[in-house]
Amino acid sequence: MGWMSRLRKPNPNRKQLLFFTKDLLAENYFAVVRITWFAAGQICAVNEAVVYQDDLEAVAEFSGIVGEALRGGADVSIVCIASSEDVGLEPAT
């Protein structure tokens, strides 16, 4: 995902979205993350990743993946078995 975020600078006029929900997931999934990338005000790519509970490296890098996407101006949607606080995201106030 790093190459995608380096291709463009975030548009300060676009309202960026972060969606997070805690829910049960199939098999041994920890989270499903969908990242929507934009260029020139249009969607240019959508990536989806599954993070497995038994992949300790991926679980540890979860916050880094989400953070990089947000810093790159992407919209991020997450379904996770943990709460937003457990993965380092603050709830909206």
N, C-alpha and C. Protein backbone atom coordinates (compact mmCIF):
# COMPACT_ATOMS: atom_id res chain seq x y z
N MET A 1 0.80 -1.19 0.00
CA MET A 1 0.00 0.00 0.00
C MET A 1 0.85 1.26 0.00
N GLY A 2 2.10 1.16 0.37
CA GLY A 2 2.95 2.32 0.44
C GLY A 2 3.09 3.02 -0.90
N TRP A 3 3.19 2.27 -1.99
CA TRP A 3 3.34 2.90 -3.30
C TRP A 3 2.10 3.67 -3.68
N MET A 4 0.92 3.21 -3.25
CA MET A 4 -0.31 3.93 -3.58
C MET A 4 -0.34 5.29 -2.88
N SER A 5 0.04 5.31 -1.61
CA SER A 5 -0.03 6.57 -0.87
C SER A 5 1.02 7.56 -1.33
N ARG A 6 2.10 7.08 -1.91
CA ARG A 6 3.14 8.00 -2.41
C ARG A 6 2.79 8.59 -3.77
N LEU A 7 1.82 8.00 -4.48
CA LEU A 7 1.46 8.50 -5.80
C LEU A 7 0.77 9.85 -5.77
N ARG A 8 0.08 10.15 -4.68
CA ARG A 8 -0.69 11.38 -4.65
C ARG A 8 -0.72 11.96 -3.26
N LYS A 9 -0.99 13.23 -3.20
CA LYS A 9 -1.14 13.91 -1.92
C LYS A 9 -2.62 13.96 -1.59
N PRO A 10 -3.00 13.85 -0.32
CA PRO A 10 -4.41 13.92 0.04
C PRO A 10 -5.02 15.26 -0.38
N ASN A 11 -6.27 15.20 -0.80
CA ASN A 11 -7.02 16.40 -1.19
C ASN A 11 -7.62 17.01 0.07
N PRO A 12 -7.19 18.20 0.46
CA PRO A 12 -7.70 18.80 1.71
C PRO A 12 -9.17 19.19 1.62
N ASN A 13 -9.74 19.25 0.41
CA ASN A 13 -11.14 19.63 0.25
C ASN A 13 -12.10 18.44 0.31
N ARG A 14 -11.57 17.21 0.30
CA ARG A 14 -12.42 16.02 0.34
C ARG A 14 -12.56 15.53 1.77
N LYS A 15 -13.77 15.23 2.19
CA LYS A 15 -13.99 14.71 3.53
C LYS A 15 -13.63 13.22 3.53
N GLN A 16 -12.62 12.89 4.31
CA GLN A 16 -12.12 11.53 4.39
C GLN A 16 -12.99 10.73 5.36
N LEU A 17 -13.21 9.45 5.06
CA LEU A 17 -14.07 8.62 5.88
C LEU A 17 -13.29 7.46 6.52
N LEU A 18 -13.60 7.19 7.77
CA LEU A 18 -13.12 6.00 8.48
C LEU A 18 -14.34 5.34 9.09
N PHE A 19 -14.61 4.11 8.66
CA PHE A 19 -15.74 3.35 9.18
C PHE A 19 -15.18 2.16 9.95
N PHE A 20 -15.67 1.96 11.17
CA PHE A 20 -15.22 0.83 11.98
C PHE A 20 -16.44 0.20 12.63
N THR A 21 -16.51 -1.12 12.56
CA THR A 21 -17.55 -1.84 13.28
C THR A 21 -16.97 -3.11 13.87
N LYS A 22 -17.44 -3.42 15.06
CA LYS A 22 -17.05 -4.66 15.72
C LYS A 22 -18.14 -5.68 15.42
N ASP A 23 -17.71 -6.85 14.94
CA ASP A 23 -18.68 -7.88 14.57
C ASP A 23 -17.99 -9.24 14.56
N LEU A 24 -18.78 -10.28 14.51
CA LEU A 24 -18.23 -11.62 14.37
C LEU A 24 -17.80 -11.81 12.92
N LEU A 25 -16.71 -12.53 12.73
CA LEU A 25 -16.21 -12.80 11.39
C LEU A 25 -16.02 -14.29 11.20
N ALA A 26 -16.01 -14.72 9.97
CA ALA A 26 -15.85 -16.13 9.63
C ALA A 26 -14.46 -16.63 9.98
N GLU A 27 -14.40 -17.95 10.15
CA GLU A 27 -13.13 -18.65 10.35
C GLU A 27 -12.31 -18.03 11.47
N ASN A 28 -11.04 -17.81 11.20
CA ASN A 28 -10.17 -17.21 12.22
C ASN A 28 -9.76 -15.80 11.82
N TYR A 29 -10.68 -15.06 11.21
CA TYR A 29 -10.41 -13.68 10.82
C TYR A 29 -10.33 -12.78 12.03
N PHE A 30 -9.37 -11.89 12.03
CA PHE A 30 -9.28 -10.83 13.03
C PHE A 30 -9.97 -9.57 12.51
N ALA A 31 -9.72 -9.25 11.24
CA ALA A 31 -10.32 -8.06 10.64
C ALA A 31 -10.34 -8.18 9.13
N VAL A 32 -11.28 -7.44 8.53
CA VAL A 32 -11.31 -7.23 7.09
C VAL A 32 -11.22 -5.73 6.89
N VAL A 33 -10.25 -5.30 6.09
CA VAL A 33 -10.00 -3.87 5.87
C VAL A 33 -10.17 -3.57 4.38
N ARG A 34 -11.02 -2.60 4.08
CA ARG A 34 -11.18 -2.15 2.69
C ARG A 34 -10.68 -0.71 2.60
N ILE A 35 -9.78 -0.47 1.66
CA ILE A 35 -9.17 0.84 1.48
C ILE A 35 -9.54 1.35 0.09
N THR A 36 -10.12 2.54 0.04
CA THR A 36 -10.51 3.16 -1.21
C THR A 36 -9.59 4.35 -1.47
N TRP A 37 -8.81 4.27 -2.56
CA TRP A 37 -7.84 5.29 -2.91
C TRP A 37 -8.44 6.25 -3.93
N PHE A 38 -8.05 7.52 -3.84
CA PHE A 38 -8.58 8.56 -4.72
C PHE A 38 -7.43 9.28 -5.43
N ALA A 39 -7.72 9.72 -6.65
CA ALA A 39 -6.81 10.58 -7.41
C ALA A 39 -7.68 11.50 -8.26
N ALA A 40 -7.37 12.77 -8.24
CA ALA A 40 -8.11 13.78 -9.00
C ALA A 40 -9.59 13.73 -8.68
N GLY A 41 -9.92 13.48 -7.42
CA GLY A 41 -11.31 13.48 -6.98
C GLY A 41 -12.11 12.25 -7.35
N GLN A 42 -11.47 11.24 -7.94
CA GLN A 42 -12.15 10.02 -8.37
C GLN A 42 -11.53 8.80 -7.69
N ILE A 43 -12.32 7.77 -7.52
CA ILE A 43 -11.79 6.51 -7.01
C ILE A 43 -10.86 5.92 -8.06
N CYS A 44 -9.64 5.59 -7.64
CA CYS A 44 -8.69 5.02 -8.61
C CYS A 44 -8.33 3.57 -8.26
N ALA A 45 -8.58 3.15 -7.02
CA ALA A 45 -8.28 1.77 -6.65
C ALA A 45 -8.97 1.43 -5.34
N VAL A 46 -9.31 0.15 -5.20
CA VAL A 46 -9.88 -0.36 -3.95
C VAL A 46 -9.10 -1.61 -3.60
N ASN A 47 -8.55 -1.64 -2.39
CA ASN A 47 -7.84 -2.81 -1.89
C ASN A 47 -8.61 -3.37 -0.71
N GLU A 48 -8.62 -4.69 -0.61
CA GLU A 48 -9.24 -5.32 0.55
C GLU A 48 -8.27 -6.35 1.09
N ALA A 49 -8.12 -6.35 2.41
CA ALA A 49 -7.19 -7.29 3.05
C ALA A 49 -7.88 -7.98 4.21
N VAL A 50 -7.52 -9.22 4.42
CA VAL A 50 -8.00 -9.98 5.56
C VAL A 50 -6.82 -10.17 6.51
N VAL A 51 -7.04 -9.87 7.78
CA VAL A 51 -6.03 -10.10 8.81
C VAL A 51 -6.51 -11.29 9.63
N TYR A 52 -5.68 -12.32 9.70
CA TYR A 52 -6.04 -13.54 10.42
C TYR A 52 -5.57 -13.46 11.87
N GLN A 53 -6.35 -14.07 12.77
CA GLN A 53 -6.01 -14.07 14.19
C GLN A 53 -4.68 -14.74 14.47
N ASP A 54 -4.36 -15.78 13.72
CA ASP A 54 -3.12 -16.53 13.98
C ASP A 54 -1.90 -15.92 13.30
N ASP A 55 -2.08 -14.83 12.54
CA ASP A 55 -0.97 -14.13 11.91
C ASP A 55 -0.57 -12.97 12.81
N LEU A 56 0.27 -13.25 13.81
CA LEU A 56 0.61 -12.25 14.81
C LEU A 56 1.28 -11.03 14.22
N GLU A 57 2.05 -11.22 13.14
CA GLU A 57 2.68 -10.08 12.48
C GLU A 57 1.64 -9.14 11.89
N ALA A 58 0.64 -9.71 11.22
CA ALA A 58 -0.40 -8.88 10.60
C ALA A 58 -1.23 -8.15 11.66
N VAL A 59 -1.55 -8.84 12.74
CA VAL A 59 -2.31 -8.19 13.82
C VAL A 59 -1.50 -7.03 14.39
N ALA A 60 -0.20 -7.22 14.56
CA ALA A 60 0.65 -6.16 15.09
C ALA A 60 0.77 -4.99 14.11
N GLU A 61 0.72 -5.26 12.80
CA GLU A 61 0.86 -4.22 11.79
C GLU A 61 -0.48 -3.59 11.41
N PHE A 62 -1.56 -4.06 11.99
CA PHE A 62 -2.91 -3.58 11.65
C PHE A 62 -3.00 -2.05 11.74
N SER A 63 -2.56 -1.48 12.84
CA SER A 63 -2.63 -0.02 13.02
C SER A 63 -1.77 0.71 11.99
N GLY A 64 -0.63 0.14 11.64
CA GLY A 64 0.24 0.74 10.65
C GLY A 64 -0.40 0.76 9.27
N ILE A 65 -1.07 -0.33 8.90
CA ILE A 65 -1.75 -0.42 7.62
C ILE A 65 -2.85 0.64 7.53
N VAL A 66 -3.67 0.72 8.57
CA VAL A 66 -4.77 1.68 8.59
C VAL A 66 -4.22 3.11 8.62
N GLY A 67 -3.21 3.36 9.43
CA GLY A 67 -2.63 4.69 9.54
C GLY A 67 -2.03 5.17 8.23
N GLU A 68 -1.33 4.29 7.52
CA GLU A 68 -0.72 4.66 6.24
C GLU A 68 -1.80 5.02 5.22
N ALA A 69 -2.87 4.25 5.20
CA ALA A 69 -3.96 4.53 4.27
C ALA A 69 -4.60 5.88 4.58
N LEU A 70 -4.83 6.16 5.86
CA LEU A 70 -5.45 7.44 6.24
C LEU A 70 -4.52 8.61 5.93
N ARG A 71 -3.24 8.46 6.21
CA ARG A 71 -2.28 9.54 5.89
C ARG A 71 -2.19 9.77 4.38
N GLY A 72 -2.44 8.72 3.60
CA GLY A 72 -2.40 8.83 2.15
C GLY A 72 -3.69 9.36 1.54
N GLY A 73 -4.67 9.68 2.39
CA GLY A 73 -5.91 10.28 1.89
C GLY A 73 -6.99 9.29 1.51
N ALA A 74 -6.82 8.02 1.81
CA ALA A 74 -7.80 7.00 1.45
C ALA A 74 -8.94 6.95 2.46
N ASP A 75 -10.08 6.43 2.01
CA ASP A 75 -11.17 6.09 2.91
C ASP A 75 -10.91 4.66 3.38
N VAL A 76 -11.22 4.38 4.65
CA VAL A 76 -10.94 3.07 5.21
C VAL A 76 -12.19 2.54 5.89
N SER A 77 -12.56 1.29 5.58
CA SER A 77 -13.67 0.61 6.23
C SER A 77 -13.13 -0.65 6.88
N ILE A 78 -13.48 -0.87 8.15
CA ILE A 78 -12.93 -1.98 8.90
C ILE A 78 -14.05 -2.74 9.60
N VAL A 79 -14.02 -4.06 9.48
CA VAL A 79 -14.85 -4.94 10.30
C VAL A 79 -13.86 -5.76 11.10
N CYS A 80 -14.01 -5.77 12.43
CA CYS A 80 -13.01 -6.39 13.30
C CYS A 80 -13.70 -7.08 14.47
N ILE A 81 -13.06 -8.12 14.99
CA ILE A 81 -13.62 -8.80 16.15
C ILE A 81 -13.28 -8.08 17.44
N ALA A 82 -12.31 -7.18 17.40
CA ALA A 82 -11.92 -6.38 18.58
C ALA A 82 -12.63 -5.03 18.52
N SER A 83 -12.65 -4.35 19.64
CA SER A 83 -13.25 -3.02 19.67
C SER A 83 -12.28 -2.00 19.08
N SER A 84 -12.80 -0.83 18.73
CA SER A 84 -11.95 0.21 18.15
C SER A 84 -10.86 0.64 19.15
N GLU A 85 -11.20 0.69 20.42
CA GLU A 85 -10.21 1.05 21.43
C GLU A 85 -9.09 0.04 21.52
N ASP A 86 -9.44 -1.25 21.34
CA ASP A 86 -8.44 -2.33 21.43
C ASP A 86 -7.41 -2.26 20.29
N VAL A 87 -7.79 -1.66 19.16
CA VAL A 87 -6.85 -1.56 18.04
C VAL A 87 -6.28 -0.16 17.90
N GLY A 88 -6.52 0.69 18.87
CA GLY A 88 -5.89 2.00 18.90
C GLY A 88 -6.65 3.11 18.20
N LEU A 89 -7.93 2.89 17.92
CA LEU A 89 -8.75 3.93 17.30
C LEU A 89 -9.67 4.53 18.35
N GLU A 90 -9.75 5.84 18.35
CA GLU A 90 -10.62 6.55 19.29
C GLU A 90 -12.04 6.60 18.72
N PRO A 91 -13.04 6.35 19.56
CA PRO A 91 -14.43 6.47 19.07
C PRO A 91 -14.77 7.91 18.76
N ALA A 92 -15.67 8.11 17.79
CA ALA A 92 -16.12 9.47 17.45
C ALA A 92 -16.90 10.06 18.61
N THR A 93 -16.72 11.34 18.82
CA THR A 93 -17.45 11.99 19.91
C THR A 93 -18.47 12.95 19.38
